[in-house]
Amino acid sequence: MIGIHDPDVVLTDLGLALLGGYFAWRLRHGLGATLMAGLASAALWGAVFHGFFPTGTATPAGFVVWLAVAVSILVVAAALLDMTMLVLGARLTPGASRGITIARPAVIVAYSLTFIAVVLFVDASFATIVWLYAPVLMLALAAAAFEAARTRSRSWALIAAGLGLSALAALAQRAGVALHARYFDHNAVYHLIQAAALVVLYAGFVRRSHDAR
């Protein structure tokens, strides 16, 4: 019989994966769909990692599964970086905006290669992944909040709120906030707050698609 370790983390991860996958399917294309798909993938691989690899990355198979989590988070980070640069480009003069448009692929590739290199050759811990991901998340949050204030757009306000909840989830996880040390630990709490973030983000992206019509 195969035992499942950390069932609270596995179940909340699977719930997050289903929620993100459903939202990605509903959005179908664009930044919102990419964001949801990346978060769903990270949650799914996280469930596999926590459920079946109690020794973590000590085994080659465990490291490969964890690498899938890291790459999924990188997809989310790259999408947020792209969104931030799009917002920045839209606020600049035409000439400067063209410069941002040209630079976007190079910046995203450079960030992605740095992310992967650090995870592969320096440190693959979740703490390091958070440090790589957090600056992009905060830049995206600032960009969304700025757009919400500038345009009084409810869609951007919802996107900013969702990103804020995602940041709060990461802070709670790093602080070790738990409802129960054994049955609902800090990782499960992280997934719970992240699920709320996905719902708010989804509402923001749906409203934004309607505004664009």
N, C-alpha and C. Protein backbone atom coordinates (compact mmCIF):
# COMPACT_ATOMS: atom_id res chain seq x y z
N MET A 1 0.84 -1.19 0.00
CA MET A 1 0.00 0.00 0.00
C MET A 1 0.88 1.24 0.00
N ILE A 2 0.57 2.21 -0.87
CA ILE A 2 1.36 3.42 -0.98
C ILE A 2 0.86 4.45 0.03
N GLY A 3 1.77 4.90 0.89
CA GLY A 3 1.39 5.91 1.88
C GLY A 3 1.54 7.32 1.30
N ILE A 4 0.64 8.21 1.71
CA ILE A 4 0.70 9.61 1.28
C ILE A 4 1.12 10.46 2.47
N HIS A 5 2.22 11.15 2.33
CA HIS A 5 2.71 12.01 3.38
C HIS A 5 2.03 13.39 3.28
N ASP A 6 1.96 14.08 4.40
CA ASP A 6 1.38 15.43 4.45
C ASP A 6 0.04 15.50 3.72
N PRO A 7 -0.97 14.71 4.15
CA PRO A 7 -2.24 14.70 3.42
C PRO A 7 -2.94 16.05 3.36
N ASP A 8 -2.78 16.89 4.40
CA ASP A 8 -3.40 18.21 4.38
C ASP A 8 -2.81 19.07 3.26
N VAL A 9 -1.49 18.97 3.09
CA VAL A 9 -0.80 19.75 2.05
C VAL A 9 -1.17 19.19 0.67
N VAL A 10 -1.20 17.88 0.54
CA VAL A 10 -1.52 17.25 -0.74
C VAL A 10 -2.94 17.60 -1.18
N LEU A 11 -3.90 17.49 -0.26
CA LEU A 11 -5.30 17.75 -0.61
C LEU A 11 -5.54 19.21 -0.97
N THR A 12 -4.93 20.12 -0.21
CA THR A 12 -5.11 21.54 -0.54
C THR A 12 -4.37 21.89 -1.83
N ASP A 13 -3.24 21.24 -2.08
CA ASP A 13 -2.53 21.44 -3.35
C ASP A 13 -3.38 20.96 -4.52
N LEU A 14 -4.01 19.79 -4.37
CA LEU A 14 -4.86 19.26 -5.44
C LEU A 14 -6.07 20.16 -5.67
N GLY A 15 -6.64 20.68 -4.59
CA GLY A 15 -7.76 21.61 -4.73
C GLY A 15 -7.35 22.87 -5.47
N LEU A 16 -6.15 23.36 -5.15
CA LEU A 16 -5.61 24.54 -5.83
C LEU A 16 -5.36 24.25 -7.31
N ALA A 17 -4.85 23.05 -7.60
CA ALA A 17 -4.58 22.67 -8.99
C ALA A 17 -5.88 22.60 -9.79
N LEU A 18 -6.92 22.02 -9.20
CA LEU A 18 -8.21 21.93 -9.89
C LEU A 18 -8.81 23.32 -10.12
N LEU A 19 -8.72 24.16 -9.11
CA LEU A 19 -9.26 25.52 -9.22
C LEU A 19 -8.53 26.31 -10.30
N GLY A 20 -7.19 26.28 -10.26
CA GLY A 20 -6.40 26.99 -11.26
C GLY A 20 -6.61 26.45 -12.66
N GLY A 21 -6.70 25.12 -12.78
CA GLY A 21 -6.94 24.51 -14.09
C GLY A 21 -8.29 24.90 -14.66
N TYR A 22 -9.31 24.93 -13.80
CA TYR A 22 -10.64 25.33 -14.25
C TYR A 22 -10.65 26.77 -14.71
N PHE A 23 -10.00 27.65 -13.94
CA PHE A 23 -9.95 29.06 -14.32
C PHE A 23 -9.16 29.26 -15.62
N ALA A 24 -8.08 28.51 -15.80
CA ALA A 24 -7.30 28.59 -17.04
C ALA A 24 -8.15 28.17 -18.22
N TRP A 25 -8.94 27.10 -18.05
CA TRP A 25 -9.82 26.62 -19.11
C TRP A 25 -10.89 27.65 -19.44
N ARG A 26 -11.44 28.30 -18.42
CA ARG A 26 -12.47 29.31 -18.67
C ARG A 26 -11.90 30.54 -19.37
N LEU A 27 -10.68 30.94 -18.99
CA LEU A 27 -10.07 32.11 -19.62
C LEU A 27 -9.54 31.79 -21.02
N ARG A 28 -9.01 30.57 -21.16
CA ARG A 28 -8.58 30.00 -22.45
C ARG A 28 -7.31 30.60 -23.04
N HIS A 29 -7.14 31.90 -23.01
CA HIS A 29 -5.95 32.49 -23.63
C HIS A 29 -5.58 33.79 -22.91
N GLY A 30 -4.39 34.29 -23.21
CA GLY A 30 -3.96 35.54 -22.63
C GLY A 30 -3.21 35.36 -21.32
N LEU A 31 -2.85 36.50 -20.71
CA LEU A 31 -2.07 36.51 -19.48
C LEU A 31 -2.76 35.75 -18.36
N GLY A 32 -4.07 35.99 -18.20
CA GLY A 32 -4.80 35.33 -17.12
C GLY A 32 -4.75 33.82 -17.21
N ALA A 33 -4.94 33.28 -18.42
CA ALA A 33 -4.91 31.83 -18.62
C ALA A 33 -3.52 31.27 -18.34
N THR A 34 -2.48 31.97 -18.78
CA THR A 34 -1.10 31.52 -18.53
C THR A 34 -0.81 31.51 -17.03
N LEU A 35 -1.26 32.56 -16.35
CA LEU A 35 -1.05 32.67 -14.91
C LEU A 35 -1.73 31.52 -14.17
N MET A 36 -2.98 31.28 -14.51
CA MET A 36 -3.73 30.21 -13.85
C MET A 36 -3.15 28.83 -14.16
N ALA A 37 -2.76 28.62 -15.41
CA ALA A 37 -2.17 27.33 -15.79
C ALA A 37 -0.86 27.08 -15.05
N GLY A 38 -0.04 28.11 -14.93
CA GLY A 38 1.23 27.98 -14.21
C GLY A 38 1.01 27.67 -12.74
N LEU A 39 0.06 28.37 -12.11
CA LEU A 39 -0.24 28.12 -10.70
C LEU A 39 -0.83 26.73 -10.50
N ALA A 40 -1.69 26.30 -11.43
CA ALA A 40 -2.27 24.96 -11.35
C ALA A 40 -1.19 23.89 -11.47
N SER A 41 -0.26 24.10 -12.39
CA SER A 41 0.84 23.14 -12.58
C SER A 41 1.72 23.07 -11.34
N ALA A 42 2.04 24.23 -10.76
CA ALA A 42 2.87 24.25 -9.55
C ALA A 42 2.18 23.50 -8.42
N ALA A 43 0.87 23.69 -8.28
CA ALA A 43 0.12 23.02 -7.22
C ALA A 43 0.06 21.50 -7.45
N LEU A 44 -0.15 21.10 -8.70
CA LEU A 44 -0.23 19.67 -9.00
C LEU A 44 1.09 18.96 -8.71
N TRP A 45 2.18 19.53 -9.21
CA TRP A 45 3.48 18.93 -8.94
C TRP A 45 3.84 19.03 -7.46
N GLY A 46 3.37 20.10 -6.81
CA GLY A 46 3.59 20.21 -5.36
C GLY A 46 2.91 19.10 -4.60
N ALA A 47 1.69 18.72 -5.04
CA ALA A 47 0.97 17.62 -4.41
C ALA A 47 1.75 16.32 -4.56
N VAL A 48 2.28 16.08 -5.75
CA VAL A 48 3.08 14.86 -5.98
C VAL A 48 4.32 14.87 -5.09
N PHE A 49 4.97 16.02 -5.02
CA PHE A 49 6.22 16.14 -4.25
C PHE A 49 5.96 15.90 -2.76
N HIS A 50 4.96 16.58 -2.20
CA HIS A 50 4.69 16.44 -0.77
C HIS A 50 4.11 15.07 -0.43
N GLY A 51 3.36 14.50 -1.36
CA GLY A 51 2.70 13.25 -1.08
C GLY A 51 3.58 12.02 -1.17
N PHE A 52 4.55 12.04 -2.08
CA PHE A 52 5.28 10.81 -2.37
C PHE A 52 6.80 10.90 -2.22
N PHE A 53 7.30 12.06 -1.81
CA PHE A 53 8.75 12.20 -1.66
C PHE A 53 9.08 12.81 -0.30
N PRO A 54 8.94 12.00 0.76
CA PRO A 54 9.18 12.51 2.11
C PRO A 54 10.61 12.98 2.35
N THR A 55 11.56 12.49 1.56
CA THR A 55 12.95 12.94 1.71
C THR A 55 13.25 14.16 0.84
N GLY A 56 12.23 14.71 0.21
CA GLY A 56 12.40 15.92 -0.58
C GLY A 56 13.25 15.73 -1.81
N THR A 57 14.22 16.61 -1.98
CA THR A 57 15.06 16.58 -3.18
C THR A 57 16.30 15.70 -3.00
N ALA A 58 16.30 14.90 -1.93
CA ALA A 58 17.46 14.03 -1.67
C ALA A 58 17.60 12.93 -2.72
N THR A 59 16.50 12.56 -3.35
CA THR A 59 16.55 11.55 -4.42
C THR A 59 16.44 12.24 -5.78
N PRO A 60 17.00 11.63 -6.82
CA PRO A 60 16.90 12.23 -8.16
C PRO A 60 15.46 12.44 -8.60
N ALA A 61 14.59 11.47 -8.33
CA ALA A 61 13.17 11.61 -8.72
C ALA A 61 12.52 12.77 -7.98
N GLY A 62 12.82 12.91 -6.69
CA GLY A 62 12.28 14.01 -5.92
C GLY A 62 12.74 15.36 -6.45
N PHE A 63 14.01 15.42 -6.86
CA PHE A 63 14.54 16.67 -7.40
C PHE A 63 13.87 17.02 -8.72
N VAL A 64 13.62 16.03 -9.56
CA VAL A 64 12.96 16.27 -10.85
C VAL A 64 11.54 16.80 -10.64
N VAL A 65 10.82 16.20 -9.71
CA VAL A 65 9.46 16.67 -9.43
C VAL A 65 9.50 18.09 -8.87
N TRP A 66 10.45 18.35 -7.98
CA TRP A 66 10.58 19.71 -7.43
C TRP A 66 10.96 20.70 -8.52
N LEU A 67 11.78 20.27 -9.46
CA LEU A 67 12.15 21.13 -10.57
C LEU A 67 10.91 21.51 -11.40
N ALA A 68 9.96 20.56 -11.53
CA ALA A 68 8.71 20.85 -12.24
C ALA A 68 7.92 21.93 -11.50
N VAL A 69 7.94 21.90 -10.17
CA VAL A 69 7.30 22.95 -9.38
C VAL A 69 7.97 24.30 -9.67
N ALA A 70 9.31 24.30 -9.64
CA ALA A 70 10.07 25.53 -9.87
C ALA A 70 9.80 26.12 -11.25
N VAL A 71 9.79 25.27 -12.28
CA VAL A 71 9.53 25.74 -13.64
C VAL A 71 8.12 26.30 -13.77
N SER A 72 7.16 25.68 -13.10
CA SER A 72 5.78 26.19 -13.11
C SER A 72 5.70 27.58 -12.49
N ILE A 73 6.42 27.77 -11.39
CA ILE A 73 6.46 29.09 -10.75
C ILE A 73 7.15 30.09 -11.66
N LEU A 74 8.18 29.64 -12.37
CA LEU A 74 8.86 30.51 -13.33
C LEU A 74 7.90 30.98 -14.42
N VAL A 75 7.03 30.09 -14.90
CA VAL A 75 6.04 30.48 -15.92
C VAL A 75 5.15 31.60 -15.39
N VAL A 76 4.73 31.47 -14.12
CA VAL A 76 3.91 32.51 -13.50
C VAL A 76 4.69 33.82 -13.40
N ALA A 77 5.94 33.73 -12.95
CA ALA A 77 6.77 34.92 -12.80
C ALA A 77 7.01 35.62 -14.14
N ALA A 78 7.27 34.83 -15.19
CA ALA A 78 7.51 35.40 -16.52
C ALA A 78 6.26 36.10 -17.04
N ALA A 79 5.08 35.51 -16.78
CA ALA A 79 3.82 36.14 -17.21
C ALA A 79 3.60 37.45 -16.47
N LEU A 80 3.90 37.48 -15.17
CA LEU A 80 3.75 38.71 -14.39
C LEU A 80 4.75 39.78 -14.84
N LEU A 81 5.97 39.36 -15.16
CA LEU A 81 6.97 40.30 -15.65
C LEU A 81 6.53 40.89 -16.98
N ASP A 82 5.98 40.05 -17.85
CA ASP A 82 5.48 40.53 -19.13
C ASP A 82 4.35 41.54 -18.92
N MET A 83 3.44 41.25 -18.00
CA MET A 83 2.34 42.17 -17.71
C MET A 83 2.86 43.51 -17.20
N THR A 84 3.85 43.45 -16.31
CA THR A 84 4.42 44.68 -15.75
C THR A 84 5.05 45.53 -16.83
N MET A 85 5.78 44.91 -17.74
CA MET A 85 6.43 45.66 -18.80
C MET A 85 5.42 46.21 -19.80
N LEU A 86 4.33 45.48 -20.03
CA LEU A 86 3.26 45.99 -20.90
C LEU A 86 2.61 47.23 -20.31
N VAL A 87 2.36 47.19 -19.00
CA VAL A 87 1.77 48.34 -18.32
C VAL A 87 2.72 49.52 -18.36
N LEU A 88 4.00 49.26 -18.09
CA LEU A 88 5.00 50.32 -18.13
C LEU A 88 5.11 50.92 -19.53
N GLY A 89 5.13 50.06 -20.54
CA GLY A 89 5.23 50.55 -21.92
C GLY A 89 4.04 51.39 -22.32
N ALA A 90 2.86 51.05 -21.85
CA ALA A 90 1.65 51.80 -22.19
C ALA A 90 1.65 53.19 -21.58
N ARG A 91 2.43 53.40 -20.53
CA ARG A 91 2.43 54.69 -19.84
C ARG A 91 3.54 55.61 -20.35
N LEU A 92 4.44 55.11 -21.20
CA LEU A 92 5.56 55.91 -21.67
C LEU A 92 5.24 56.57 -23.00
N THR A 93 6.13 57.42 -23.45
CA THR A 93 5.98 58.05 -24.76
C THR A 93 6.12 56.99 -25.85
N PRO A 94 5.61 57.25 -27.06
CA PRO A 94 5.68 56.24 -28.12
C PRO A 94 7.07 55.68 -28.36
N GLY A 95 8.09 56.56 -28.38
CA GLY A 95 9.45 56.09 -28.61
C GLY A 95 9.94 55.19 -27.51
N ALA A 96 9.70 55.59 -26.26
CA ALA A 96 10.12 54.79 -25.12
C ALA A 96 9.34 53.49 -25.05
N SER A 97 8.06 53.56 -25.42
CA SER A 97 7.22 52.38 -25.43
C SER A 97 7.75 51.34 -26.41
N ARG A 98 8.21 51.80 -27.59
CA ARG A 98 8.78 50.87 -28.56
C ARG A 98 10.03 50.21 -28.00
N GLY A 99 10.81 50.97 -27.21
CA GLY A 99 12.01 50.41 -26.59
C GLY A 99 11.66 49.30 -25.61
N ILE A 100 10.61 49.53 -24.82
CA ILE A 100 10.15 48.50 -23.88
C ILE A 100 9.68 47.27 -24.63
N THR A 101 8.95 47.48 -25.74
CA THR A 101 8.43 46.36 -26.53
C THR A 101 9.57 45.51 -27.08
N ILE A 102 10.62 46.17 -27.54
CA ILE A 102 11.78 45.45 -28.08
C ILE A 102 12.52 44.72 -26.97
N ALA A 103 12.61 45.35 -25.79
CA ALA A 103 13.39 44.78 -24.69
C ALA A 103 12.67 43.65 -23.97
N ARG A 104 11.34 43.60 -24.06
CA ARG A 104 10.57 42.62 -23.29
C ARG A 104 11.07 41.18 -23.43
N PRO A 105 11.21 40.66 -24.66
CA PRO A 105 11.66 39.26 -24.77
C PRO A 105 13.04 39.03 -24.15
N ALA A 106 13.96 39.98 -24.33
CA ALA A 106 15.31 39.82 -23.79
C ALA A 106 15.29 39.81 -22.26
N VAL A 107 14.49 40.69 -21.68
CA VAL A 107 14.41 40.77 -20.21
C VAL A 107 13.81 39.48 -19.66
N ILE A 108 12.74 39.00 -20.28
CA ILE A 108 12.08 37.77 -19.81
C ILE A 108 13.01 36.57 -19.95
N VAL A 109 13.73 36.47 -21.06
CA VAL A 109 14.67 35.35 -21.26
C VAL A 109 15.79 35.42 -20.23
N ALA A 110 16.35 36.62 -20.01
CA ALA A 110 17.44 36.78 -19.05
C ALA A 110 16.98 36.40 -17.64
N TYR A 111 15.80 36.85 -17.26
CA TYR A 111 15.25 36.51 -15.95
C TYR A 111 15.05 34.99 -15.83
N SER A 112 14.49 34.39 -16.87
CA SER A 112 14.20 32.96 -16.84
C SER A 112 15.48 32.14 -16.72
N LEU A 113 16.50 32.50 -17.48
CA LEU A 113 17.77 31.78 -17.43
C LEU A 113 18.42 31.92 -16.05
N THR A 114 18.34 33.12 -15.48
CA THR A 114 18.90 33.34 -14.14
C THR A 114 18.17 32.49 -13.12
N PHE A 115 16.85 32.46 -13.20
CA PHE A 115 16.00 31.68 -12.29
C PHE A 115 16.40 30.20 -12.35
N ILE A 116 16.45 29.65 -13.56
CA ILE A 116 16.78 28.23 -13.72
C ILE A 116 18.21 27.94 -13.26
N ALA A 117 19.15 28.81 -13.58
CA ALA A 117 20.54 28.59 -13.19
C ALA A 117 20.69 28.55 -11.67
N VAL A 118 20.02 29.46 -10.98
CA VAL A 118 20.10 29.48 -9.51
C VAL A 118 19.50 28.20 -8.93
N VAL A 119 18.34 27.79 -9.44
CA VAL A 119 17.68 26.59 -8.92
C VAL A 119 18.51 25.33 -9.19
N LEU A 120 19.11 25.25 -10.38
CA LEU A 120 19.88 24.06 -10.75
C LEU A 120 21.24 23.99 -10.07
N PHE A 121 21.92 25.11 -9.96
CA PHE A 121 23.34 25.07 -9.58
C PHE A 121 23.66 25.74 -8.24
N VAL A 122 22.71 26.46 -7.66
CA VAL A 122 22.99 27.15 -6.40
C VAL A 122 22.15 26.60 -5.26
N ASP A 123 20.85 26.79 -5.34
CA ASP A 123 19.96 26.34 -4.26
C ASP A 123 18.55 26.18 -4.80
N ALA A 124 17.96 25.01 -4.59
CA ALA A 124 16.62 24.74 -5.11
C ALA A 124 15.55 24.84 -4.04
N SER A 125 15.87 25.38 -2.87
CA SER A 125 14.91 25.43 -1.78
C SER A 125 13.75 26.37 -2.12
N PHE A 126 12.63 26.16 -1.43
CA PHE A 126 11.47 27.02 -1.66
C PHE A 126 11.78 28.46 -1.28
N ALA A 127 12.59 28.63 -0.23
CA ALA A 127 12.96 29.99 0.19
C ALA A 127 13.67 30.74 -0.94
N THR A 128 14.57 30.06 -1.63
CA THR A 128 15.28 30.69 -2.74
C THR A 128 14.33 30.99 -3.89
N ILE A 129 13.42 30.07 -4.18
CA ILE A 129 12.44 30.29 -5.25
C ILE A 129 11.57 31.50 -4.92
N VAL A 130 11.20 31.64 -3.65
CA VAL A 130 10.41 32.80 -3.22
C VAL A 130 11.20 34.09 -3.43
N TRP A 131 12.49 34.07 -3.09
CA TRP A 131 13.32 35.26 -3.28
C TRP A 131 13.45 35.63 -4.77
N LEU A 132 13.45 34.64 -5.63
CA LEU A 132 13.51 34.91 -7.07
C LEU A 132 12.19 35.42 -7.61
N TYR A 133 11.10 34.90 -7.05
CA TYR A 133 9.75 35.21 -7.53
C TYR A 133 9.19 36.51 -6.93
N ALA A 134 9.53 36.78 -5.66
CA ALA A 134 8.92 37.89 -4.92
C ALA A 134 9.11 39.26 -5.58
N PRO A 135 10.31 39.60 -6.06
CA PRO A 135 10.46 40.94 -6.67
C PRO A 135 9.54 41.14 -7.88
N VAL A 136 9.36 40.10 -8.69
CA VAL A 136 8.47 40.21 -9.85
C VAL A 136 7.02 40.36 -9.39
N LEU A 137 6.64 39.58 -8.38
CA LEU A 137 5.28 39.68 -7.84
C LEU A 137 5.00 41.08 -7.31
N MET A 138 5.96 41.66 -6.59
CA MET A 138 5.76 43.00 -6.03
C MET A 138 5.73 44.06 -7.13
N LEU A 139 6.54 43.90 -8.16
CA LEU A 139 6.48 44.84 -9.29
C LEU A 139 5.13 44.76 -10.00
N ALA A 140 4.63 43.54 -10.19
CA ALA A 140 3.33 43.35 -10.84
C ALA A 140 2.21 43.93 -9.97
N LEU A 141 2.31 43.73 -8.66
CA LEU A 141 1.32 44.31 -7.74
C LEU A 141 1.33 45.83 -7.82
N ALA A 142 2.53 46.42 -7.84
CA ALA A 142 2.64 47.87 -7.94
C ALA A 142 2.06 48.38 -9.26
N ALA A 143 2.34 47.67 -10.35
CA ALA A 143 1.83 48.07 -11.67
C ALA A 143 0.31 47.99 -11.71
N ALA A 144 -0.25 46.90 -11.18
CA ALA A 144 -1.71 46.74 -11.17
C ALA A 144 -2.37 47.78 -10.29
N ALA A 145 -1.78 48.06 -9.12
CA ALA A 145 -2.33 49.06 -8.22
C ALA A 145 -2.27 50.45 -8.86
N PHE A 146 -1.17 50.74 -9.56
CA PHE A 146 -1.04 52.02 -10.25
C PHE A 146 -2.11 52.18 -11.32
N GLU A 147 -2.31 51.13 -12.11
CA GLU A 147 -3.35 51.18 -13.15
C GLU A 147 -4.74 51.32 -12.54
N ALA A 148 -4.97 50.64 -11.43
CA ALA A 148 -6.27 50.75 -10.77
C ALA A 148 -6.52 52.17 -10.30
N ALA A 149 -5.49 52.80 -9.73
CA ALA A 149 -5.64 54.18 -9.24
C ALA A 149 -5.75 55.17 -10.39
N ARG A 150 -5.00 54.93 -11.46
CA ARG A 150 -4.99 55.86 -12.58
C ARG A 150 -6.29 55.82 -13.38
N THR A 151 -6.79 54.62 -13.62
CA THR A 151 -7.96 54.46 -14.49
C THR A 151 -9.27 54.24 -13.73
N ARG A 152 -9.15 54.07 -12.40
CA ARG A 152 -10.33 53.73 -11.58
C ARG A 152 -11.02 52.47 -12.12
N SER A 153 -10.20 51.55 -12.60
CA SER A 153 -10.70 50.32 -13.21
C SER A 153 -10.92 49.25 -12.14
N ARG A 154 -12.13 48.71 -12.10
CA ARG A 154 -12.43 47.64 -11.15
C ARG A 154 -11.64 46.37 -11.49
N SER A 155 -11.40 46.14 -12.78
CA SER A 155 -10.65 44.94 -13.17
C SER A 155 -9.22 45.00 -12.64
N TRP A 156 -8.56 46.14 -12.79
CA TRP A 156 -7.19 46.28 -12.29
C TRP A 156 -7.17 46.25 -10.77
N ALA A 157 -8.21 46.78 -10.13
CA ALA A 157 -8.29 46.73 -8.66
C ALA A 157 -8.38 45.28 -8.18
N LEU A 158 -9.17 44.48 -8.88
CA LEU A 158 -9.29 43.07 -8.51
C LEU A 158 -7.98 42.33 -8.75
N ILE A 159 -7.32 42.61 -9.87
CA ILE A 159 -6.04 41.97 -10.15
C ILE A 159 -5.01 42.35 -9.08
N ALA A 160 -4.99 43.63 -8.70
CA ALA A 160 -4.07 44.07 -7.64
C ALA A 160 -4.39 43.37 -6.31
N ALA A 161 -5.67 43.25 -6.01
CA ALA A 161 -6.07 42.58 -4.76
C ALA A 161 -5.67 41.11 -4.78
N GLY A 162 -5.84 40.44 -5.93
CA GLY A 162 -5.45 39.04 -6.05
C GLY A 162 -3.95 38.86 -5.88
N LEU A 163 -3.17 39.75 -6.48
CA LEU A 163 -1.71 39.67 -6.33
C LEU A 163 -1.31 39.97 -4.89
N GLY A 164 -2.03 40.89 -4.24
CA GLY A 164 -1.76 41.18 -2.84
C GLY A 164 -2.03 39.97 -1.95
N LEU A 165 -3.11 39.27 -2.22
CA LEU A 165 -3.42 38.04 -1.47
C LEU A 165 -2.35 36.97 -1.71
N SER A 166 -1.86 36.89 -2.93
CA SER A 166 -0.79 35.93 -3.24
C SER A 166 0.47 36.25 -2.46
N ALA A 167 0.79 37.54 -2.36
CA ALA A 167 1.95 37.96 -1.57
C ALA A 167 1.73 37.64 -0.08
N LEU A 168 0.50 37.88 0.40
CA LEU A 168 0.17 37.55 1.79
C LEU A 168 0.31 36.05 2.05
N ALA A 169 -0.10 35.22 1.08
CA ALA A 169 0.03 33.77 1.22
C ALA A 169 1.50 33.37 1.39
N ALA A 170 2.37 33.96 0.57
CA ALA A 170 3.80 33.64 0.66
C ALA A 170 4.38 34.09 2.00
N LEU A 171 3.96 35.27 2.48
CA LEU A 171 4.44 35.76 3.78
C LEU A 171 3.99 34.84 4.91
N ALA A 172 2.72 34.40 4.85
CA ALA A 172 2.20 33.50 5.87
C ALA A 172 2.95 32.17 5.87
N GLN A 173 3.26 31.69 4.68
CA GLN A 173 4.01 30.43 4.56
C GLN A 173 5.40 30.56 5.17
N ARG A 174 6.08 31.65 4.84
CA ARG A 174 7.43 31.86 5.35
C ARG A 174 7.43 32.09 6.86
N ALA A 175 6.34 32.68 7.38
CA ALA A 175 6.24 32.93 8.82
C ALA A 175 5.80 31.69 9.60
N GLY A 176 5.42 30.63 8.88
CA GLY A 176 5.01 29.40 9.54
C GLY A 176 3.62 29.45 10.14
N VAL A 177 2.74 30.28 9.59
CA VAL A 177 1.37 30.40 10.11
C VAL A 177 0.62 29.10 9.81
N ALA A 178 0.08 28.47 10.85
CA ALA A 178 -0.63 27.19 10.69
C ALA A 178 -1.90 27.20 11.54
N LEU A 179 -2.91 26.47 11.06
CA LEU A 179 -4.12 26.29 11.86
C LEU A 179 -3.95 25.13 12.83
N HIS A 180 -3.13 24.16 12.44
CA HIS A 180 -2.80 23.03 13.31
C HIS A 180 -1.45 22.48 12.86
N ALA A 181 -0.58 22.22 13.81
CA ALA A 181 0.79 21.80 13.47
C ALA A 181 0.82 20.52 12.64
N ARG A 182 -0.15 19.63 12.85
CA ARG A 182 -0.13 18.35 12.15
C ARG A 182 -1.18 18.26 11.05
N TYR A 183 -2.38 18.74 11.33
CA TYR A 183 -3.51 18.50 10.41
C TYR A 183 -3.78 19.65 9.43
N PHE A 184 -3.20 20.81 9.69
CA PHE A 184 -3.36 21.92 8.73
C PHE A 184 -2.19 22.89 8.94
N ASP A 185 -1.04 22.49 8.37
CA ASP A 185 0.18 23.24 8.64
C ASP A 185 0.33 24.50 7.79
N HIS A 186 1.51 25.12 7.84
CA HIS A 186 1.73 26.40 7.17
C HIS A 186 1.61 26.28 5.65
N ASN A 187 1.96 25.12 5.10
CA ASN A 187 1.81 24.94 3.65
C ASN A 187 0.33 24.87 3.25
N ALA A 188 -0.48 24.20 4.06
CA ALA A 188 -1.91 24.13 3.78
C ALA A 188 -2.57 25.51 3.90
N VAL A 189 -2.14 26.29 4.88
CA VAL A 189 -2.65 27.66 5.03
C VAL A 189 -2.26 28.50 3.80
N TYR A 190 -1.03 28.32 3.34
CA TYR A 190 -0.58 29.00 2.13
C TYR A 190 -1.49 28.68 0.94
N HIS A 191 -1.84 27.42 0.79
CA HIS A 191 -2.70 27.01 -0.32
C HIS A 191 -4.11 27.60 -0.17
N LEU A 192 -4.60 27.69 1.05
CA LEU A 192 -5.93 28.24 1.30
C LEU A 192 -5.99 29.71 0.90
N ILE A 193 -4.99 30.48 1.31
CA ILE A 193 -4.97 31.91 0.95
C ILE A 193 -4.74 32.07 -0.55
N GLN A 194 -3.90 31.22 -1.11
CA GLN A 194 -3.64 31.27 -2.55
C GLN A 194 -4.90 30.97 -3.36
N ALA A 195 -5.74 30.06 -2.84
CA ALA A 195 -7.01 29.77 -3.52
C ALA A 195 -7.89 31.02 -3.57
N ALA A 196 -7.93 31.76 -2.48
CA ALA A 196 -8.69 33.02 -2.46
C ALA A 196 -8.10 34.00 -3.47
N ALA A 197 -6.77 34.02 -3.56
CA ALA A 197 -6.10 34.90 -4.52
C ALA A 197 -6.50 34.55 -5.95
N LEU A 198 -6.58 33.26 -6.25
CA LEU A 198 -6.96 32.82 -7.60
C LEU A 198 -8.38 33.25 -7.95
N VAL A 199 -9.29 33.14 -6.97
CA VAL A 199 -10.68 33.55 -7.22
C VAL A 199 -10.74 35.04 -7.56
N VAL A 200 -10.03 35.86 -6.80
CA VAL A 200 -10.05 37.31 -7.02
C VAL A 200 -9.36 37.65 -8.35
N LEU A 201 -8.24 37.00 -8.63
CA LEU A 201 -7.54 37.23 -9.90
C LEU A 201 -8.43 36.86 -11.09
N TYR A 202 -9.08 35.72 -10.97
CA TYR A 202 -9.97 35.27 -12.05
C TYR A 202 -11.06 36.31 -12.31
N ALA A 203 -11.66 36.81 -11.25
CA ALA A 203 -12.71 37.84 -11.40
C ALA A 203 -12.14 39.07 -12.10
N GLY A 204 -10.90 39.44 -11.75
CA GLY A 204 -10.28 40.60 -12.38
C GLY A 204 -10.01 40.39 -13.86
N PHE A 205 -9.50 39.23 -14.23
CA PHE A 205 -9.21 38.97 -15.63
C PHE A 205 -10.48 38.81 -16.47
N VAL A 206 -11.53 38.25 -15.87
CA VAL A 206 -12.81 38.15 -16.59
C VAL A 206 -13.36 39.54 -16.85
N ARG A 207 -13.33 40.39 -15.83
CA ARG A 207 -13.84 41.74 -16.00
C ARG A 207 -12.98 42.53 -17.00
N ARG A 208 -11.68 42.29 -16.98
CA ARG A 208 -10.80 42.99 -17.92
C ARG A 208 -11.10 42.58 -19.37
N SER A 209 -11.37 41.31 -19.59
CA SER A 209 -11.71 40.85 -20.95
C SER A 209 -13.02 41.47 -21.41
N HIS A 210 -13.96 41.64 -20.51
CA HIS A 210 -15.23 42.29 -20.86
C HIS A 210 -15.01 43.77 -21.17
N ASP A 211 -14.13 44.42 -20.39
CA ASP A 211 -13.84 45.85 -20.62
C ASP A 211 -13.17 46.07 -21.98
N ALA A 212 -12.40 45.08 -22.43
CA ALA A 212 -11.65 45.22 -23.67
C ALA A 212 -12.53 45.05 -24.91
N ARG A 213 -13.75 44.56 -24.74
CA ARG A 213 -14.63 44.31 -25.88
C ARG A 213 -15.29 45.61 -26.36
